[in-house]
Amino acid sequence: MNPGSRLRPLTVAAYGAPGFVLAALALTFYVFLPKYYADVLGIDLTVLGVVVLLSRVWDAVIDPAIGALSDRTRSGWGRRRPWMVAGAAPLALCFVLLVVLPRSGDPLGEGLYLGGLTFLFFLFWTMVTVPYEALGAELSFDYDERNRLLGTREGAVLAGTLIAAVIPIVVGVGSDLTGDLAQERARYLDIALIYAILVAVAVGGCVIVVRERVWAESQRPRAFLRNLAGIWRNRPFRILLGAYAVSALGFSVAATVILFYVQYVLGSTAGPFLLAVYLGIGAATVPLWIFLAQRFEKRRAWLLALGVNTAAFVPTLLLGRGDVVIFGVIVVLSALGVGGVMAIPPSMQADAIDYDEWTSGTRREGEYIGFWSIVKKLAAALSAGLAFPILDFSGYVPGLGQQAPAAIWTLRLLYVGTPCVCNLIAIAIAWRYPIDRATHAKIREEIDTRLAPSAAPLTGRA
């Protein structure tokens, strides 16, 4: 299997599978577990808030560190898979322990226990996810094949997010918190055990089926801190990261307030269903956007996806109470672009990493993925940090059936205006992304010529 060959369908499927379960774990931890801790376990909300905040900071700090360490790993199994193997089982165990959290009656002791488990959870999470994403960037050097591989992974992420949002509803999580809370704990434990098994199966299958490259000694990065400036000097990556960060912020703000918008602006409780429709259509359209990226170039396809997602969404600003059906149509139309918004940037990112090898001579996907992860997590953190104070300042009253007009318009502007403006800014930034098919071919040709005596084959299949 040479750098430009087409990957086997089994390889693509095995690589994409962990993205499904990792997305399910993430949504469950950030969306469902906090409410479970507060309503079922009775964890102090202040303690819970501090734990979540510190865990996000810790998670962001260790991303580039684990990425850099995986870049420098030497083993018979390559440099990514040993980290995935080492992190998978502890990750699954920590997730189960987070669900069966014991009660001691001591808020400080419970907070320390929860905090310690959460920090371990994110340590093992990063040990799996950062090397896993870095592995995808180096499996193929083919311009179009990367669309198929990394688009499949992002489609699996969307599908995993959808399933994680639906499963708690199906099993009745949160349906009756006035009765036996032990039954509620049992429901969560069932979900945790299912996810733990899926982590073992998906990561294990990926490690067994997917092969890694053996890199020439000259391609291995060395000093980490001295290399950081090189990431910023990578103009294609800098442009892509800037556009992605702005777009991700708008997407995260919309996701943060969608349930508020549907309930208080439209007067409906169909928010979870509409969110599921949005994610489902997004996942289903990923193959279409993979084709369009090959047909029209990645940058153009991504700009088109951002445009479709934005243009279809603008009329939502004019909707009001009772316009649920119209909103549903808009959700469907807007969702047609979300598959491309999610699926195309990772492939462009891989091309930008090739540009780094062209200029520096080293392959350091882990470092790039680590900093990319920080941006994703900061976008999620900023969305809540900005949206909720703004909503509070507008006069929003929790639990009030009919909100004040100022709060209603604030919800409209947050849910509709923020992502639309962010997407327009992202389009303006991404317009300057310089790597197209011809440019990438020249970059790869020069790299391959330089490395001809010590080309990097694929090896290490278990």
Protein backbone atom coordinates (compact mmCIF):
# COMPACT_ATOMS: atom_id res chain seq x y z
CA MET A 1 0.00 0.00 0.00
CA ASN A 2 1.73 3.16 -1.18
CA PRO A 3 1.05 6.76 -0.07
CA GLY A 4 -1.27 7.53 -2.97
CA SER A 5 -3.25 4.28 -3.12
CA ARG A 6 -6.93 3.90 -2.30
CA LEU A 7 -7.57 2.66 1.23
CA ARG A 8 -9.53 -0.54 1.70
CA PRO A 9 -13.19 -0.08 2.76
CA LEU A 10 -12.42 -2.13 5.88
CA THR A 11 -9.59 0.26 6.79
CA VAL A 12 -11.83 3.31 6.32
CA ALA A 13 -14.63 1.75 8.38
CA ALA A 14 -12.27 0.60 11.15
CA TYR A 15 -10.70 4.03 11.35
CA GLY A 16 -14.06 5.83 11.47
CA ALA A 17 -15.60 3.60 14.17
CA PRO A 18 -13.89 5.19 17.24
CA GLY A 19 -15.22 8.59 16.16
CA PHE A 20 -18.75 7.29 16.73
CA VAL A 21 -18.30 6.17 20.32
CA LEU A 22 -15.98 9.03 21.31
CA ALA A 23 -18.62 11.54 20.16
CA ALA A 24 -21.25 9.67 22.19
CA LEU A 25 -19.06 9.81 25.29
CA ALA A 26 -18.43 13.53 24.85
CA LEU A 27 -22.10 14.46 24.48
CA THR A 28 -23.11 12.30 27.44
CA PHE A 29 -20.44 13.81 29.68
CA TYR A 30 -21.13 17.45 28.80
CA VAL A 31 -24.92 17.35 28.38
CA PHE A 32 -26.41 14.54 30.44
CA LEU A 33 -24.03 13.83 33.32
CA PRO A 34 -24.16 17.33 34.89
CA LYS A 35 -27.96 17.11 35.16
CA TYR A 36 -27.63 13.55 36.48
CA TYR A 37 -25.18 14.68 39.17
CA ALA A 38 -27.45 17.56 40.21
CA ASP A 39 -30.90 15.89 40.05
CA VAL A 40 -30.12 12.27 40.90
CA LEU A 41 -26.93 12.29 42.97
CA GLY A 42 -27.48 15.68 44.58
CA ILE A 43 -23.96 16.98 43.94
CA ASP A 44 -23.54 20.61 44.99
CA LEU A 45 -23.92 22.84 41.90
CA THR A 46 -20.98 25.04 42.85
CA VAL A 47 -18.75 22.01 43.21
CA LEU A 48 -20.03 20.68 39.90
CA GLY A 49 -19.35 23.98 38.14
CA VAL A 50 -15.79 24.19 39.45
CA VAL A 51 -15.07 20.59 38.44
CA VAL A 52 -16.38 21.09 34.89
CA LEU A 53 -14.45 24.35 34.45
CA LEU A 54 -11.14 22.96 35.74
CA SER A 55 -11.54 19.76 33.75
CA ARG A 56 -11.92 21.77 30.53
CA VAL A 57 -8.78 23.77 31.32
CA TRP A 58 -6.88 20.55 32.10
CA ASP A 59 -8.19 18.94 28.92
CA ALA A 60 -6.97 21.87 26.81
CA VAL A 61 -3.53 21.93 28.46
CA ILE A 62 -2.73 18.27 27.88
CA ASP A 63 -3.88 18.10 24.23
CA PRO A 64 -0.71 19.53 22.63
CA ALA A 65 1.49 17.71 25.16
CA ILE A 66 0.05 14.28 24.33
CA GLY A 67 0.15 15.14 20.63
CA ALA A 68 3.82 16.08 20.80
CA LEU A 69 4.68 12.94 22.79
CA SER A 70 2.89 10.71 20.28
CA ASP A 71 4.84 12.38 17.44
CA ARG A 72 8.06 11.29 19.17
CA THR A 73 6.99 7.75 20.15
CA ARG A 74 8.96 4.81 18.79
CA SER A 75 7.50 1.31 18.92
CA GLY A 76 6.86 -1.74 16.80
CA TRP A 77 3.19 -0.67 16.68
CA GLY A 78 3.95 2.80 15.40
CA ARG A 79 3.59 6.05 17.26
CA ARG A 80 -0.22 6.44 17.52
CA ARG A 81 -1.66 3.03 18.30
CA PRO A 82 0.29 2.42 21.54
CA TRP A 83 -1.32 5.55 23.00
CA MET A 84 -4.77 4.47 21.87
CA VAL A 85 -4.32 1.03 23.41
CA ALA A 86 -2.97 2.46 26.67
CA GLY A 87 -5.84 4.93 27.00
CA ALA A 88 -8.90 2.96 25.83
CA ALA A 89 -9.52 0.59 28.76
CA PRO A 90 -8.89 3.22 31.50
CA LEU A 91 -11.11 5.64 29.59
CA ALA A 92 -13.99 3.15 29.56
CA LEU A 93 -13.46 2.32 33.25
CA CYS A 94 -13.38 6.01 34.28
CA PHE A 95 -16.62 6.65 32.42
CA VAL A 96 -18.36 3.83 34.28
CA LEU A 97 -16.97 5.07 37.61
CA LEU A 98 -18.24 8.58 36.83
CA VAL A 99 -21.75 7.13 36.59
CA VAL A 100 -21.62 4.97 39.75
CA LEU A 101 -20.24 7.88 41.75
CA PRO A 102 -20.70 7.07 45.48
CA ARG A 103 -22.32 9.51 47.94
CA SER A 104 -20.52 10.23 51.21
CA GLY A 105 -22.47 13.23 52.51
CA ASP A 106 -19.27 15.30 52.51
CA PRO A 107 -19.43 17.94 49.72
CA LEU A 108 -15.68 18.54 49.79
CA GLY A 109 -14.85 14.83 49.66
CA GLU A 110 -17.37 14.24 46.87
CA GLY A 111 -15.97 17.18 44.94
CA LEU A 112 -12.40 15.93 45.25
CA TYR A 113 -13.42 12.40 44.23
CA LEU A 114 -15.43 13.66 41.24
CA GLY A 115 -12.63 16.05 40.29
CA GLY A 116 -9.97 13.33 40.43
CA LEU A 117 -12.06 10.97 38.31
CA THR A 118 -12.82 13.72 35.80
CA PHE A 119 -9.15 14.65 35.43
CA LEU A 120 -8.26 10.99 34.86
CA PHE A 121 -11.12 10.64 32.38
CA PHE A 122 -9.79 13.51 30.28
CA LEU A 123 -6.20 12.30 30.53
CA PHE A 124 -7.19 8.94 29.04
CA TRP A 125 -9.60 10.69 26.65
CA THR A 126 -6.73 12.73 25.22
CA MET A 127 -4.45 9.68 25.07
CA VAL A 128 -7.00 8.11 22.72
CA THR A 129 -8.45 11.02 20.74
CA VAL A 130 -5.39 13.12 19.83
CA PRO A 131 -3.29 10.19 18.51
CA TYR A 132 -6.43 8.81 16.85
CA GLU A 133 -7.08 12.02 14.92
CA ALA A 134 -3.37 12.40 14.13
CA LEU A 135 -3.38 8.87 12.70
CA GLY A 136 -6.03 9.89 10.17
CA ALA A 137 -3.91 12.74 8.84
CA GLU A 138 -1.06 10.39 7.91
CA LEU A 139 -2.86 7.30 6.60
CA SER A 140 -3.04 8.64 3.05
CA PHE A 141 -1.23 11.41 1.20
CA ASP A 142 -3.75 11.37 -1.62
CA TYR A 143 -5.63 14.67 -1.95
CA ASP A 144 -9.05 13.08 -2.58
CA GLU A 145 -8.64 9.92 -0.53
CA ARG A 146 -8.30 12.06 2.58
CA ASN A 147 -11.80 13.38 1.91
CA ARG A 148 -13.18 9.87 2.01
CA LEU A 149 -11.24 8.78 5.11
CA LEU A 150 -11.64 11.87 7.27
CA GLY A 151 -15.14 12.59 5.98
CA THR A 152 -16.14 9.10 7.11
CA ARG A 153 -14.73 9.85 10.56
CA GLU A 154 -16.66 13.13 10.84
CA GLY A 155 -19.82 11.41 9.61
CA ALA A 156 -19.35 8.86 12.39
CA VAL A 157 -18.92 11.73 14.87
CA LEU A 158 -22.24 13.24 13.78
CA ALA A 159 -23.92 9.84 13.99
CA GLY A 160 -22.47 9.19 17.45
CA THR A 161 -23.69 12.59 18.65
CA LEU A 162 -27.16 11.81 17.30
CA ILE A 163 -27.31 8.38 18.95
CA ALA A 164 -26.06 9.76 22.27
CA ALA A 165 -28.83 12.38 22.18
CA VAL A 166 -31.52 9.79 21.41
CA ILE A 167 -30.54 6.85 23.67
CA PRO A 168 -31.31 8.58 27.00
CA ILE A 169 -34.77 9.47 25.68
CA VAL A 170 -35.37 5.90 24.52
CA VAL A 171 -34.36 4.32 27.85
CA GLY A 172 -36.33 6.90 29.85
CA VAL A 173 -33.51 8.88 31.45
CA GLY A 174 -34.95 11.81 33.40
CA SER A 175 -38.54 10.68 32.79
CA ASP A 176 -39.39 10.36 36.49
CA LEU A 177 -37.15 11.88 39.12
CA THR A 178 -39.85 11.82 41.82
CA GLY A 179 -39.78 8.06 42.27
CA ASP A 180 -37.03 5.53 42.91
CA LEU A 181 -33.76 7.25 42.04
CA ALA A 182 -31.98 3.90 42.13
CA GLN A 183 -33.78 3.06 38.89
CA GLU A 184 -32.45 6.24 37.32
CA ARG A 185 -28.92 5.31 38.38
CA ALA A 186 -29.45 1.86 36.87
CA ARG A 187 -30.46 3.44 33.53
CA TYR A 188 -27.29 5.52 33.47
CA LEU A 189 -25.18 2.51 34.40
CA ASP A 190 -26.65 0.55 31.49
CA ILE A 191 -25.72 3.37 29.11
CA ALA A 192 -22.20 3.62 30.59
CA LEU A 193 -21.60 -0.13 30.22
CA ILE A 194 -22.77 -0.07 26.60
CA TYR A 195 -20.40 2.78 25.81
CA ALA A 196 -17.54 1.09 27.65
CA ILE A 197 -17.96 -2.03 25.51
CA LEU A 198 -18.17 0.08 22.35
CA VAL A 199 -14.93 1.88 23.27
CA ALA A 200 -13.13 -1.46 23.56
CA VAL A 201 -14.60 -2.81 20.32
CA ALA A 202 -14.14 0.35 18.21
CA VAL A 203 -10.64 1.29 19.39
CA GLY A 204 -9.52 -2.36 19.40
CA GLY A 205 -10.80 -2.86 15.86
CA CYS A 206 -9.07 0.30 14.67
CA VAL A 207 -5.75 -0.70 16.25
CA ILE A 208 -5.89 -4.20 14.77
CA VAL A 209 -7.00 -3.29 11.24
CA VAL A 210 -5.33 0.06 10.57
CA ARG A 211 -1.60 0.12 9.79
CA GLU A 212 0.84 2.92 10.49
CA ARG A 213 3.78 4.25 8.56
CA VAL A 214 7.41 3.84 9.55
CA TRP A 215 9.00 7.26 9.34
CA ALA A 216 12.54 8.12 8.37
CA GLU A 217 14.62 9.47 11.24
CA SER A 218 14.83 12.85 9.49
CA GLN A 219 11.02 13.12 9.55
CA ARG A 220 10.74 12.73 13.32
CA PRO A 221 10.29 16.00 15.24
CA ARG A 222 12.62 16.76 18.12
CA ALA A 223 12.45 19.71 20.52
CA PHE A 224 8.80 20.56 21.16
CA LEU A 225 8.98 24.15 22.40
CA ARG A 226 11.33 25.27 19.63
CA ASN A 227 8.90 23.91 17.06
CA LEU A 228 5.85 25.88 18.25
CA ALA A 229 6.68 28.96 16.19
CA GLY A 230 6.69 26.79 13.06
CA ILE A 231 3.01 25.99 13.54
CA TRP A 232 2.14 29.67 13.49
CA ARG A 233 4.33 30.24 10.41
CA ASN A 234 2.30 27.63 8.54
CA ARG A 235 0.08 30.05 6.61
CA PRO A 236 -2.42 27.49 5.23
CA PHE A 237 -2.94 26.03 8.70
CA ARG A 238 -3.22 29.51 10.26
CA ILE A 239 -5.92 30.53 7.78
CA LEU A 240 -7.80 27.25 8.18
CA LEU A 241 -7.62 27.33 11.97
CA GLY A 242 -8.86 30.93 12.07
CA ALA A 243 -11.84 30.20 9.83
CA TYR A 244 -12.67 26.99 11.66
CA ALA A 245 -12.44 28.67 15.08
CA VAL A 246 -14.88 31.44 14.14
CA SER A 247 -17.32 29.00 12.54
CA ALA A 248 -17.09 26.62 15.51
CA LEU A 249 -17.86 29.45 17.93
CA GLY A 250 -21.05 30.31 16.07
CA PHE A 251 -22.06 26.65 15.86
CA SER A 252 -21.43 26.17 19.60
CA VAL A 253 -23.47 29.25 20.58
CA ALA A 254 -26.40 27.97 18.50
CA ALA A 255 -26.12 24.51 20.07
CA THR A 256 -26.03 26.07 23.55
CA VAL A 257 -29.28 28.01 23.16
CA ILE A 258 -31.32 25.90 20.71
CA LEU A 259 -33.55 24.40 23.39
CA PHE A 260 -34.17 27.88 24.85
CA TYR A 261 -35.00 29.25 21.38
CA VAL A 262 -37.45 26.49 20.52
CA GLN A 263 -39.21 26.68 23.89
CA TYR A 264 -39.45 30.43 24.42
CA VAL A 265 -39.43 31.90 20.90
CA LEU A 266 -41.42 29.19 19.09
CA GLY A 267 -43.39 28.00 22.12
CA SER A 268 -42.60 24.31 21.49
CA THR A 269 -40.99 21.39 23.31
CA ALA A 270 -39.80 19.77 20.06
CA GLY A 271 -36.21 21.00 20.50
CA PRO A 272 -34.59 17.56 21.08
CA PHE A 273 -36.44 16.08 18.08
CA LEU A 274 -35.44 18.95 15.78
CA LEU A 275 -31.83 18.68 16.96
CA ALA A 276 -31.89 14.96 16.14
CA VAL A 277 -33.24 15.74 12.65
CA TYR A 278 -30.47 18.29 12.11
CA LEU A 279 -27.71 15.88 13.14
CA GLY A 280 -29.24 12.98 11.21
CA ILE A 281 -29.42 14.90 7.94
CA GLY A 282 -25.91 16.23 8.53
CA ALA A 283 -24.54 12.71 8.90
CA ALA A 284 -26.49 11.45 5.88
CA THR A 285 -25.15 14.17 3.57
CA VAL A 286 -21.46 13.60 4.35
CA PRO A 287 -20.97 11.31 1.26
CA LEU A 288 -22.43 14.07 -0.95
CA TRP A 289 -19.97 16.62 0.42
CA ILE A 290 -17.08 14.19 -0.03
CA PHE A 291 -18.06 13.97 -3.71
CA LEU A 292 -18.39 17.76 -4.02
CA ALA A 293 -14.99 18.29 -2.40
CA GLN A 294 -13.48 16.03 -5.04
CA ARG A 295 -15.44 17.68 -7.84
CA PHE A 296 -14.96 21.34 -6.93
CA GLU A 297 -11.86 21.35 -4.65
CA LYS A 298 -11.98 21.28 -0.86
CA ARG A 299 -11.94 25.03 -0.25
CA ARG A 300 -14.79 25.71 -2.65
CA ALA A 301 -16.85 22.85 -1.26
CA TRP A 302 -16.35 24.06 2.31
CA LEU A 303 -17.29 27.61 1.35
CA LEU A 304 -20.40 26.25 -0.35
CA ALA A 305 -21.31 24.22 2.75
CA LEU A 306 -20.91 27.27 4.98
CA GLY A 307 -23.02 29.29 2.54
CA VAL A 308 -25.84 26.73 2.41
CA ASN A 309 -25.83 26.35 6.20
CA THR A 310 -26.01 30.15 6.63
CA ALA A 311 -28.40 31.20 3.85
CA ALA A 312 -31.02 28.64 4.85
CA PHE A 313 -30.80 29.75 8.48
CA VAL A 314 -31.28 33.52 8.10
CA PRO A 315 -35.14 33.46 7.85
CA THR A 316 -35.24 31.92 11.34
CA LEU A 317 -34.67 35.43 12.69
CA LEU A 318 -38.25 36.36 11.69
CA LEU A 319 -40.04 33.39 13.24
CA GLY A 320 -42.21 33.61 16.33
CA ARG A 321 -44.58 31.64 18.50
CA GLY A 322 -46.27 28.78 16.66
CA ASP A 323 -43.89 28.71 13.65
CA VAL A 324 -42.57 25.24 14.46
CA VAL A 325 -43.38 23.69 11.07
CA ILE A 326 -41.65 26.50 9.18
CA PHE A 327 -38.69 26.17 11.53
CA GLY A 328 -38.58 22.42 10.84
CA VAL A 329 -38.30 23.11 7.09
CA ILE A 330 -35.48 25.60 7.77
CA VAL A 331 -33.71 23.04 9.97
CA VAL A 332 -33.81 20.50 7.14
CA LEU A 333 -32.48 23.00 4.57
CA SER A 334 -29.74 24.27 6.88
CA ALA A 335 -28.73 20.73 7.81
CA LEU A 336 -27.92 20.06 4.15
CA GLY A 337 -24.74 22.10 4.65
CA VAL A 338 -23.64 20.85 8.07
CA GLY A 339 -22.15 17.62 6.72
CA GLY A 340 -19.72 19.62 4.59
CA VAL A 341 -19.01 22.12 7.36
CA MET A 342 -17.89 19.23 9.58
CA ALA A 343 -16.35 16.77 7.11
CA ILE A 344 -14.12 18.90 4.87
CA PRO A 345 -11.83 20.87 7.27
CA PRO A 346 -9.97 17.78 8.62
CA SER A 347 -8.92 16.89 5.08
CA MET A 348 -7.73 20.47 4.47
CA GLN A 349 -5.90 20.26 7.79
CA ALA A 350 -4.02 17.15 6.62
CA ASP A 351 -2.93 19.01 3.48
CA ALA A 352 -1.68 21.90 5.65
CA ILE A 353 0.35 19.39 7.68
CA ASP A 354 1.95 18.23 4.42
CA TYR A 355 2.86 21.88 3.83
CA ASP A 356 4.59 21.86 7.22
CA GLU A 357 6.62 18.80 6.21
CA TRP A 358 7.52 20.54 2.96
CA THR A 359 8.93 23.52 4.89
CA SER A 360 10.31 21.80 8.02
CA GLY A 361 11.04 18.25 6.89
CA THR A 362 9.23 16.68 9.87
CA ARG A 363 5.87 15.00 10.41
CA ARG A 364 4.16 16.28 13.55
CA GLU A 365 0.47 15.60 13.14
CA GLY A 366 0.09 15.19 16.91
CA GLU A 367 1.16 18.75 17.64
CA TYR A 368 -1.19 20.16 15.01
CA ILE A 369 -4.12 18.05 16.19
CA GLY A 370 -3.40 19.08 19.79
CA PHE A 371 -3.71 22.77 18.98
CA TRP A 372 -6.74 22.13 16.77
CA SER A 373 -8.40 20.40 19.75
CA ILE A 374 -7.75 23.41 21.97
CA VAL A 375 -9.65 25.61 19.52
CA LYS A 376 -12.63 23.24 19.46
CA LYS A 377 -12.79 23.15 23.25
CA LEU A 378 -12.35 26.89 23.66
CA ALA A 379 -15.24 27.43 21.23
CA ALA A 380 -17.47 25.19 23.34
CA ALA A 381 -16.39 26.91 26.56
CA LEU A 382 -16.78 30.44 25.15
CA SER A 383 -20.24 29.66 23.81
CA ALA A 384 -21.62 29.07 27.30
CA GLY A 385 -19.43 31.78 28.82
CA LEU A 386 -20.82 34.38 26.40
CA ALA A 387 -24.38 33.22 25.72
CA PHE A 388 -25.63 32.73 29.27
CA PRO A 389 -24.45 36.08 30.73
CA ILE A 390 -25.87 37.92 27.69
CA LEU A 391 -29.16 36.07 28.08
CA ASP A 392 -29.23 36.86 31.79
CA PHE A 393 -28.54 40.55 31.14
CA SER A 394 -31.44 40.68 28.65
CA GLY A 395 -33.94 39.91 31.41
CA TYR A 396 -34.37 36.17 30.88
CA VAL A 397 -36.04 34.53 33.91
CA PRO A 398 -35.43 30.75 34.33
CA GLY A 399 -38.64 28.75 34.36
CA LEU A 400 -40.87 31.64 33.29
CA GLY A 401 -43.37 30.54 30.64
CA GLN A 402 -43.44 33.82 28.73
CA GLN A 403 -40.19 35.77 28.54
CA ALA A 404 -39.86 39.53 28.10
CA PRO A 405 -39.55 40.88 24.52
CA ALA A 406 -35.90 41.84 25.12
CA ALA A 407 -35.09 38.25 26.13
CA ILE A 408 -36.94 36.88 23.09
CA TRP A 409 -34.96 39.09 20.70
CA THR A 410 -31.74 38.21 22.49
CA LEU A 411 -32.48 34.53 21.94
CA ARG A 412 -33.12 35.23 18.25
CA LEU A 413 -29.87 37.12 17.87
CA LEU A 414 -27.84 34.51 19.76
CA TYR A 415 -29.34 31.50 18.00
CA VAL A 416 -29.58 32.97 14.49
CA GLY A 417 -27.41 36.06 14.30
CA THR A 418 -24.27 34.72 15.97
CA PRO A 419 -23.75 31.62 13.77
CA CYS A 420 -24.67 33.51 10.59
CA VAL A 421 -22.20 36.33 11.29
CA CYS A 422 -19.52 33.85 12.36
CA ASN A 423 -19.99 31.80 9.19
CA LEU A 424 -19.70 34.92 7.01
CA ILE A 425 -16.46 35.86 8.77
CA ALA A 426 -15.21 32.26 8.36
CA ILE A 427 -15.99 32.42 4.62
CA ALA A 428 -14.00 35.65 4.31
CA ILE A 429 -11.02 34.09 6.09
CA ALA A 430 -11.15 30.72 4.31
CA TRP A 431 -11.32 32.42 0.91
CA ARG A 432 -7.53 32.91 1.16
CA TYR A 433 -6.73 29.24 1.88
CA PRO A 434 -4.00 28.55 -0.72
CA ILE A 435 -3.77 24.75 -1.12
CA ASP A 436 -5.69 23.26 -4.02
CA ARG A 437 -5.15 19.95 -5.82
CA ALA A 438 -2.36 21.23 -8.08
CA THR A 439 -0.52 22.94 -5.21
CA HIS A 440 -0.77 19.85 -3.05
CA ALA A 441 0.53 17.66 -5.86
CA LYS A 442 3.64 19.86 -6.18
CA ILE A 443 4.21 19.78 -2.41
CA ARG A 444 3.96 15.99 -2.29
CA GLU A 445 6.18 15.58 -5.34
CA GLU A 446 8.98 17.63 -3.77
CA ILE A 447 8.64 15.80 -0.44
CA ASP A 448 8.69 12.40 -2.13
CA THR A 449 11.72 13.35 -4.22
CA ARG A 450 13.54 14.48 -1.11
CA LEU A 451 12.72 11.23 0.71
CA ALA A 452 13.09 8.83 -2.20
CA PRO A 453 15.91 6.80 -0.60
CA SER A 454 13.97 6.47 2.67
CA ALA A 455 10.30 6.53 1.70
CA ALA A 456 7.81 5.85 4.48
CA PRO A 457 6.00 2.54 3.88
CA LEU A 458 3.02 1.27 5.80
CA THR A 459 3.77 -1.47 8.26
CA GLY A 460 2.93 -2.83 11.67
CA ARG A 461 -0.41 -4.51 10.97
CA ALA A 462 -1.35 -6.70 13.93
